[in-house]
């Protein structure tokens, strides 16, 4: 699994003009699932995102996790994180898991986040929906996390 993590001062996701998830200070996490990923990958990725030191302490060092700053997470499924652009101009998505495999792992990722942060601190987009995502990137800080090496 792959997560593109952005430290934000605010973020929200809209589906058909309706807000489906929103956070203030925290992490916007775009999540992609690869063929062969397992629930162990979802658990690893959630733990890594929750403990990621992406927030500054009093000395302006990135030493604090989202939990330590009392922040929240907005997680959005995004199969395009596995788009391969090495050949040609159109991305290939052969590495992305099909929806029947990726949806349960995305849901597991959300479940693991909620177990660590509390349900009130985790919002999400809508799996397979066309979404509008708005964010204010803080820093900017954007990091990529992989569940496998």
N, C-alpha and C. Protein backbone atom coordinates (compact mmCIF):
# COMPACT_ATOMS: atom_id res chain seq x y z
N UNK A 1 0.85 -1.18 0.00
CA UNK A 1 0.00 0.00 0.00
C UNK A 1 0.88 1.23 0.00
N UNK A 2 0.31 2.30 -0.45
CA UNK A 2 1.05 3.56 -0.57
C UNK A 2 0.18 4.68 -0.04
N UNK A 3 0.81 5.59 0.70
CA UNK A 3 0.10 6.76 1.22
C UNK A 3 0.87 8.01 0.86
N UNK A 4 0.18 8.97 0.27
CA UNK A 4 0.72 10.29 0.07
C UNK A 4 0.14 11.14 1.19
N UNK A 5 1.00 11.58 2.09
CA UNK A 5 0.57 12.25 3.33
C UNK A 5 0.91 13.73 3.23
N UNK A 6 -0.10 14.56 3.46
CA UNK A 6 0.12 16.01 3.45
C UNK A 6 -0.30 16.58 4.80
N UNK A 7 0.60 17.36 5.39
CA UNK A 7 0.26 18.08 6.62
C UNK A 7 -0.60 19.27 6.21
N UNK A 8 -1.76 19.40 6.84
CA UNK A 8 -2.70 20.44 6.44
C UNK A 8 -3.18 21.25 7.64
N UNK A 9 -3.58 22.48 7.35
CA UNK A 9 -4.26 23.28 8.37
C UNK A 9 -5.77 23.10 8.25
N UNK A 10 -6.20 22.61 7.07
CA UNK A 10 -7.60 22.24 6.86
C UNK A 10 -7.69 21.44 5.57
N UNK A 11 -8.71 20.57 5.51
CA UNK A 11 -8.97 19.80 4.29
C UNK A 11 -10.41 19.31 4.33
N UNK A 12 -10.97 19.14 3.14
CA UNK A 12 -12.31 18.57 3.07
C UNK A 12 -12.48 17.87 1.73
N UNK A 13 -13.43 16.94 1.70
CA UNK A 13 -13.75 16.21 0.49
C UNK A 13 -15.25 16.34 0.23
N UNK A 14 -15.56 16.63 -1.03
CA UNK A 14 -16.94 16.82 -1.46
C UNK A 14 -17.29 15.75 -2.51
N UNK A 15 -18.52 15.25 -2.44
CA UNK A 15 -19.05 14.32 -3.43
C UNK A 15 -20.40 14.86 -3.87
N UNK A 16 -20.53 15.13 -5.15
CA UNK A 16 -21.78 15.68 -5.69
C UNK A 16 -22.23 16.93 -4.94
N UNK A 17 -21.28 17.80 -4.60
CA UNK A 17 -21.60 19.05 -3.93
C UNK A 17 -21.88 18.94 -2.44
N UNK A 18 -21.76 17.74 -1.89
CA UNK A 18 -22.01 17.52 -0.47
C UNK A 18 -20.71 17.18 0.24
N UNK A 19 -20.45 17.87 1.33
CA UNK A 19 -19.24 17.59 2.12
C UNK A 19 -19.38 16.22 2.78
N UNK A 20 -18.40 15.35 2.53
CA UNK A 20 -18.42 14.00 3.09
C UNK A 20 -17.41 13.81 4.20
N UNK A 21 -16.41 14.67 4.26
CA UNK A 21 -15.41 14.60 5.32
C UNK A 21 -14.65 15.90 5.38
N UNK A 22 -14.27 16.30 6.60
CA UNK A 22 -13.52 17.55 6.76
C UNK A 22 -12.73 17.50 8.05
N UNK A 23 -11.57 18.14 8.02
CA UNK A 23 -10.72 18.23 9.21
C UNK A 23 -10.12 19.63 9.29
N UNK A 24 -9.64 19.97 10.48
CA UNK A 24 -8.82 21.15 10.67
C UNK A 24 -7.37 20.71 10.59
N UNK A 25 -6.58 21.06 11.58
CA UNK A 25 -5.17 20.68 11.62
C UNK A 25 -5.04 19.16 11.62
N UNK A 26 -4.17 18.66 10.76
CA UNK A 26 -3.98 17.22 10.72
C UNK A 26 -3.30 16.76 9.46
N UNK A 27 -3.67 15.56 9.02
CA UNK A 27 -3.07 14.94 7.85
C UNK A 27 -4.14 14.58 6.84
N UNK A 28 -3.92 14.96 5.60
CA UNK A 28 -4.71 14.47 4.48
C UNK A 28 -3.91 13.32 3.90
N UNK A 29 -4.52 12.15 3.85
CA UNK A 29 -3.80 10.96 3.40
C UNK A 29 -4.52 10.37 2.19
N UNK A 30 -3.84 10.39 1.05
CA UNK A 30 -4.33 9.70 -0.13
C UNK A 30 -3.78 8.28 -0.07
N UNK A 31 -4.66 7.29 -0.24
CA UNK A 31 -4.29 5.89 -0.03
C UNK A 31 -4.49 5.09 -1.31
N UNK A 32 -3.44 4.39 -1.73
CA UNK A 32 -3.53 3.49 -2.88
C UNK A 32 -3.23 2.07 -2.47
N UNK A 33 -3.92 1.13 -3.09
CA UNK A 33 -3.73 -0.29 -2.79
C UNK A 33 -3.17 -0.98 -4.03
N UNK A 34 -2.13 -1.76 -3.81
CA UNK A 34 -1.43 -2.47 -4.88
C UNK A 34 -1.83 -3.94 -4.89
N UNK A 35 -1.78 -4.55 -6.05
CA UNK A 35 -2.00 -5.99 -6.16
C UNK A 35 -1.12 -6.72 -5.15
N UNK A 36 -1.68 -7.63 -4.41
CA UNK A 36 -0.91 -8.42 -3.44
C UNK A 36 -0.86 -7.83 -2.04
N UNK A 37 -1.39 -6.63 -1.84
CA UNK A 37 -1.41 -6.05 -0.49
C UNK A 37 -2.35 -6.85 0.41
N UNK A 38 -2.08 -6.77 1.70
CA UNK A 38 -2.86 -7.52 2.69
C UNK A 38 -3.30 -6.59 3.81
N UNK A 39 -4.09 -7.13 4.73
CA UNK A 39 -4.52 -6.35 5.88
C UNK A 39 -3.32 -5.94 6.74
N UNK A 40 -2.27 -6.74 6.73
CA UNK A 40 -1.05 -6.37 7.46
C UNK A 40 -0.45 -5.08 6.89
N UNK A 41 -0.54 -4.90 5.58
CA UNK A 41 -0.07 -3.66 4.96
C UNK A 41 -0.90 -2.48 5.43
N UNK A 42 -2.22 -2.66 5.51
CA UNK A 42 -3.11 -1.60 5.98
C UNK A 42 -2.79 -1.22 7.42
N UNK A 43 -2.54 -2.22 8.25
CA UNK A 43 -2.23 -1.96 9.66
C UNK A 43 -0.89 -1.23 9.79
N UNK A 44 0.12 -1.68 9.04
CA UNK A 44 1.43 -1.03 9.07
C UNK A 44 1.32 0.43 8.63
N UNK A 45 0.61 0.65 7.52
CA UNK A 45 0.49 2.00 6.97
C UNK A 45 -0.25 2.93 7.94
N UNK A 46 -1.31 2.44 8.56
CA UNK A 46 -2.06 3.26 9.53
C UNK A 46 -1.18 3.60 10.73
N UNK A 47 -0.44 2.62 11.23
CA UNK A 47 0.44 2.86 12.38
C UNK A 47 1.52 3.88 12.02
N UNK A 48 2.09 3.74 10.84
CA UNK A 48 3.14 4.65 10.40
C UNK A 48 2.60 6.08 10.26
N UNK A 49 1.42 6.21 9.67
CA UNK A 49 0.83 7.54 9.50
C UNK A 49 0.51 8.18 10.85
N UNK A 50 0.02 7.39 11.78
CA UNK A 50 -0.33 7.93 13.10
C UNK A 50 0.89 8.36 13.90
N UNK A 51 2.00 7.67 13.72
CA UNK A 51 3.20 7.98 14.51
C UNK A 51 4.19 8.87 13.75
N UNK A 52 3.88 9.20 12.51
CA UNK A 52 4.75 10.03 11.68
C UNK A 52 4.97 11.39 12.34
N UNK A 53 6.21 11.76 12.53
CA UNK A 53 6.54 13.06 13.14
C UNK A 53 6.55 14.13 12.07
N UNK A 54 5.37 14.62 11.75
CA UNK A 54 5.21 15.60 10.67
C UNK A 54 4.90 17.00 11.18
N UNK A 55 4.77 17.15 12.49
CA UNK A 55 4.40 18.44 13.07
C UNK A 55 5.53 18.98 13.92
N UNK A 56 5.64 20.30 13.93
CA UNK A 56 6.77 20.95 14.61
C UNK A 56 6.53 21.11 16.10
N UNK A 57 7.63 20.95 16.85
CA UNK A 57 7.60 21.22 18.28
C UNK A 57 7.95 22.69 18.52
N UNK A 58 8.21 23.06 19.74
CA UNK A 58 8.51 24.46 20.08
C UNK A 58 9.80 24.96 19.45
N UNK A 59 10.70 24.04 19.10
CA UNK A 59 11.96 24.42 18.46
C UNK A 59 11.88 24.35 16.93
N UNK A 60 10.67 24.24 16.38
CA UNK A 60 10.43 24.13 14.95
C UNK A 60 11.06 22.89 14.32
N UNK A 61 11.20 21.84 15.10
CA UNK A 61 11.67 20.54 14.59
C UNK A 61 10.45 19.65 14.39
N UNK A 62 10.45 18.88 13.32
CA UNK A 62 9.34 17.96 13.08
C UNK A 62 9.50 16.76 14.02
N UNK A 63 8.94 16.90 15.21
CA UNK A 63 9.07 15.89 16.26
C UNK A 63 7.74 15.39 16.80
N UNK A 64 6.62 15.91 16.31
CA UNK A 64 5.32 15.56 16.88
C UNK A 64 4.43 14.85 15.86
N UNK A 65 3.67 13.88 16.35
CA UNK A 65 2.73 13.14 15.51
C UNK A 65 1.39 13.85 15.49
N UNK A 66 0.52 13.41 14.62
CA UNK A 66 -0.83 13.97 14.53
C UNK A 66 -1.57 13.80 15.86
N UNK A 67 -1.35 12.70 16.52
CA UNK A 67 -2.00 12.45 17.80
C UNK A 67 -1.48 13.42 18.87
N UNK A 68 -0.18 13.68 18.86
CA UNK A 68 0.42 14.55 19.86
C UNK A 68 -0.03 16.01 19.72
N UNK A 69 -0.42 16.41 18.52
CA UNK A 69 -0.89 17.79 18.34
C UNK A 69 -2.41 17.89 18.41
N UNK A 70 -3.07 16.76 18.68
CA UNK A 70 -4.53 16.75 18.75
C UNK A 70 -5.18 16.95 17.40
N UNK A 71 -4.49 16.53 16.35
CA UNK A 71 -5.01 16.70 15.00
C UNK A 71 -5.89 15.55 14.56
N UNK A 72 -6.35 15.66 13.32
CA UNK A 72 -7.23 14.66 12.73
C UNK A 72 -6.67 14.18 11.40
N UNK A 73 -7.31 13.16 10.85
CA UNK A 73 -6.91 12.60 9.57
C UNK A 73 -8.11 12.57 8.64
N UNK A 74 -7.87 12.97 7.38
CA UNK A 74 -8.84 12.78 6.31
C UNK A 74 -8.19 11.83 5.32
N UNK A 75 -8.76 10.63 5.18
CA UNK A 75 -8.20 9.60 4.30
C UNK A 75 -9.06 9.48 3.05
N UNK A 76 -8.41 9.50 1.88
CA UNK A 76 -9.10 9.47 0.59
C UNK A 76 -8.47 8.36 -0.26
N UNK A 77 -9.31 7.43 -0.73
CA UNK A 77 -8.78 6.37 -1.60
C UNK A 77 -8.38 6.97 -2.94
N UNK A 78 -7.24 6.51 -3.47
CA UNK A 78 -6.75 7.06 -4.73
C UNK A 78 -5.91 6.02 -5.45
N UNK A 79 -6.55 5.27 -6.35
CA UNK A 79 -5.83 4.23 -7.09
C UNK A 79 -4.76 4.81 -7.99
N UNK A 80 -4.87 6.09 -8.35
CA UNK A 80 -3.89 6.69 -9.26
C UNK A 80 -2.50 6.81 -8.64
N UNK A 81 -2.37 6.56 -7.33
CA UNK A 81 -1.04 6.55 -6.72
C UNK A 81 -0.19 5.42 -7.31
N UNK A 82 -0.83 4.44 -7.92
CA UNK A 82 -0.10 3.37 -8.58
C UNK A 82 -0.08 3.53 -10.09
N UNK A 83 -0.28 4.74 -10.57
CA UNK A 83 -0.17 5.01 -11.99
C UNK A 83 1.29 4.99 -12.41
N UNK A 84 1.61 4.19 -13.41
CA UNK A 84 2.98 4.06 -13.92
C UNK A 84 3.10 4.90 -15.19
N UNK A 85 3.97 5.90 -15.14
CA UNK A 85 4.15 6.81 -16.27
C UNK A 85 5.52 6.66 -16.94
N UNK A 86 6.19 5.55 -16.69
CA UNK A 86 7.54 5.37 -17.25
C UNK A 86 7.53 5.23 -18.76
N UNK A 87 6.44 4.71 -19.32
CA UNK A 87 6.37 4.53 -20.78
C UNK A 87 5.18 5.29 -21.31
N UNK A 88 5.40 6.05 -22.33
CA UNK A 88 4.31 6.78 -22.98
C UNK A 88 3.80 7.92 -22.12
N UNK A 89 2.65 8.45 -22.51
CA UNK A 89 2.08 9.60 -21.83
C UNK A 89 0.81 9.29 -21.06
N UNK A 90 0.27 8.10 -21.25
CA UNK A 90 -0.93 7.71 -20.52
C UNK A 90 -0.52 6.76 -19.40
N UNK A 91 -0.93 7.06 -18.17
CA UNK A 91 -0.55 6.18 -17.05
C UNK A 91 -1.14 4.78 -17.21
N UNK A 92 -0.39 3.81 -16.77
CA UNK A 92 -0.86 2.44 -16.69
C UNK A 92 -1.18 2.15 -15.22
N UNK A 93 -2.28 1.47 -14.98
CA UNK A 93 -2.70 1.18 -13.62
C UNK A 93 -2.69 -0.31 -13.32
N UNK A 94 -1.84 -1.06 -14.00
CA UNK A 94 -1.82 -2.51 -13.82
C UNK A 94 -1.37 -2.92 -12.41
N UNK A 95 -0.62 -2.05 -11.73
CA UNK A 95 -0.18 -2.38 -10.37
C UNK A 95 -1.26 -2.13 -9.33
N UNK A 96 -2.24 -1.31 -9.64
CA UNK A 96 -3.32 -0.99 -8.69
C UNK A 96 -4.23 -2.19 -8.54
N UNK A 97 -4.59 -2.49 -7.30
CA UNK A 97 -5.52 -3.59 -7.04
C UNK A 97 -6.90 -3.23 -7.55
N UNK A 98 -7.65 -4.22 -8.03
CA UNK A 98 -9.02 -3.94 -8.48
C UNK A 98 -9.90 -3.55 -7.28
N UNK A 99 -11.01 -2.86 -7.54
CA UNK A 99 -11.86 -2.38 -6.45
C UNK A 99 -12.29 -3.46 -5.45
N UNK A 100 -12.60 -4.64 -5.93
CA UNK A 100 -13.05 -5.71 -5.02
C UNK A 100 -11.98 -6.09 -4.00
N UNK A 101 -10.72 -5.90 -4.35
CA UNK A 101 -9.61 -6.18 -3.42
C UNK A 101 -9.21 -4.94 -2.64
N UNK A 102 -9.26 -3.79 -3.27
CA UNK A 102 -8.76 -2.59 -2.61
C UNK A 102 -9.74 -1.98 -1.62
N UNK A 103 -11.04 -2.09 -1.85
CA UNK A 103 -12.00 -1.48 -0.92
C UNK A 103 -11.90 -2.07 0.48
N UNK A 104 -11.84 -3.40 0.64
CA UNK A 104 -11.71 -3.93 2.01
C UNK A 104 -10.42 -3.48 2.70
N UNK A 105 -9.35 -3.31 1.94
CA UNK A 105 -8.09 -2.87 2.54
C UNK A 105 -8.12 -1.39 2.89
N UNK A 106 -8.79 -0.58 2.07
CA UNK A 106 -8.99 0.82 2.40
C UNK A 106 -9.84 0.92 3.68
N UNK A 107 -10.89 0.14 3.77
CA UNK A 107 -11.74 0.13 4.97
C UNK A 107 -10.96 -0.35 6.19
N UNK A 108 -10.08 -1.33 6.01
CA UNK A 108 -9.24 -1.79 7.12
C UNK A 108 -8.30 -0.68 7.56
N UNK A 109 -7.73 0.05 6.61
CA UNK A 109 -6.86 1.18 6.93
C UNK A 109 -7.62 2.19 7.79
N UNK A 110 -8.85 2.52 7.40
CA UNK A 110 -9.67 3.44 8.20
C UNK A 110 -9.94 2.88 9.59
N UNK A 111 -10.24 1.60 9.67
CA UNK A 111 -10.49 0.96 10.97
C UNK A 111 -9.26 1.04 11.88
N UNK A 112 -8.10 0.80 11.33
CA UNK A 112 -6.86 0.88 12.12
C UNK A 112 -6.57 2.32 12.55
N UNK A 113 -6.83 3.29 11.67
CA UNK A 113 -6.66 4.69 12.05
C UNK A 113 -7.59 5.04 13.22
N UNK A 114 -8.85 4.64 13.10
CA UNK A 114 -9.84 4.96 14.14
C UNK A 114 -9.49 4.31 15.47
N UNK A 115 -8.93 3.12 15.42
CA UNK A 115 -8.53 2.43 16.64
C UNK A 115 -7.40 3.18 17.35
N UNK A 116 -6.52 3.80 16.58
CA UNK A 116 -5.39 4.52 17.16
C UNK A 116 -5.73 5.95 17.57
N UNK A 117 -6.52 6.64 16.74
CA UNK A 117 -6.77 8.06 16.95
C UNK A 117 -8.13 8.37 17.57
N UNK A 118 -9.04 7.42 17.52
CA UNK A 118 -10.43 7.66 17.91
C UNK A 118 -11.24 8.03 16.69
N UNK A 119 -12.45 7.51 16.62
CA UNK A 119 -13.30 7.71 15.44
C UNK A 119 -13.57 9.19 15.16
N UNK A 120 -13.63 10.00 16.22
CA UNK A 120 -13.93 11.42 16.03
C UNK A 120 -12.80 12.18 15.34
N UNK A 121 -11.62 11.55 15.25
CA UNK A 121 -10.46 12.20 14.62
C UNK A 121 -10.16 11.68 13.22
N UNK A 122 -11.05 10.85 12.67
CA UNK A 122 -10.80 10.27 11.34
C UNK A 122 -12.03 10.48 10.46
N UNK A 123 -11.80 11.16 9.33
CA UNK A 123 -12.82 11.34 8.30
C UNK A 123 -12.33 10.67 7.03
N UNK A 124 -13.25 10.45 6.11
CA UNK A 124 -12.84 9.78 4.87
C UNK A 124 -13.65 10.27 3.69
N UNK A 125 -13.12 9.96 2.53
CA UNK A 125 -13.84 10.19 1.29
C UNK A 125 -14.77 9.01 1.05
N UNK A 126 -15.24 8.90 -0.18
CA UNK A 126 -16.16 7.83 -0.57
C UNK A 126 -15.46 6.97 -1.60
N UNK A 127 -15.29 5.70 -1.31
CA UNK A 127 -14.58 4.79 -2.20
C UNK A 127 -15.22 4.79 -3.58
N UNK A 128 -14.42 4.94 -4.62
CA UNK A 128 -14.78 4.91 -6.04
C UNK A 128 -15.63 6.09 -6.49
N UNK A 129 -15.85 7.06 -5.63
CA UNK A 129 -16.64 8.24 -6.04
C UNK A 129 -15.73 9.26 -6.69
N UNK A 130 -16.30 10.10 -7.54
CA UNK A 130 -15.60 11.25 -8.08
C UNK A 130 -15.66 12.30 -6.97
N UNK A 131 -14.49 12.70 -6.48
CA UNK A 131 -14.43 13.59 -5.32
C UNK A 131 -13.70 14.88 -5.66
N UNK A 132 -14.12 15.95 -5.01
CA UNK A 132 -13.39 17.21 -5.03
C UNK A 132 -12.72 17.33 -3.67
N UNK A 133 -11.41 17.46 -3.67
CA UNK A 133 -10.65 17.56 -2.42
C UNK A 133 -10.06 18.96 -2.34
N UNK A 134 -10.32 19.62 -1.23
CA UNK A 134 -9.76 20.94 -0.97
C UNK A 134 -8.84 20.84 0.22
N UNK A 135 -7.71 21.54 0.15
CA UNK A 135 -6.77 21.49 1.26
C UNK A 135 -5.94 22.75 1.32
N UNK A 136 -5.47 23.03 2.51
CA UNK A 136 -4.44 24.04 2.71
C UNK A 136 -3.25 23.30 3.27
N UNK A 137 -2.24 23.10 2.41
CA UNK A 137 -1.05 22.36 2.79
C UNK A 137 -0.23 23.24 3.73
N UNK A 138 0.13 22.72 4.88
CA UNK A 138 0.86 23.46 5.91
C UNK A 138 2.35 23.16 5.77
N UNK A 139 3.10 24.14 5.36
CA UNK A 139 4.55 23.97 5.25
C UNK A 139 5.11 24.49 3.94
N UNK A 140 4.88 23.84 2.84
CA UNK A 140 4.16 22.57 2.66
C UNK A 140 4.99 21.38 3.09
N UNK A 141 4.29 20.40 3.63
CA UNK A 141 4.91 19.12 4.00
C UNK A 141 4.11 18.03 3.30
N UNK A 142 4.79 17.27 2.43
CA UNK A 142 4.18 16.16 1.70
C UNK A 142 5.17 15.00 1.72
N UNK A 143 4.70 13.83 2.19
CA UNK A 143 5.57 12.66 2.32
C UNK A 143 4.90 11.44 1.72
N UNK A 144 5.71 10.53 1.15
CA UNK A 144 5.20 9.27 0.62
C UNK A 144 5.62 8.15 1.56
N UNK A 145 4.66 7.29 1.89
CA UNK A 145 4.94 6.14 2.75
C UNK A 145 4.51 4.88 2.02
N UNK A 146 5.36 3.87 2.05
CA UNK A 146 5.07 2.57 1.41
C UNK A 146 5.02 1.50 2.49
N UNK A 147 4.13 0.54 2.32
CA UNK A 147 4.06 -0.54 3.30
C UNK A 147 5.09 -1.62 3.04
N UNK A 148 5.60 -1.69 1.81
CA UNK A 148 6.60 -2.69 1.46
C UNK A 148 7.80 -2.00 0.82
N UNK A 149 8.98 -2.55 1.04
CA UNK A 149 10.21 -1.97 0.51
C UNK A 149 10.46 -2.22 -0.91
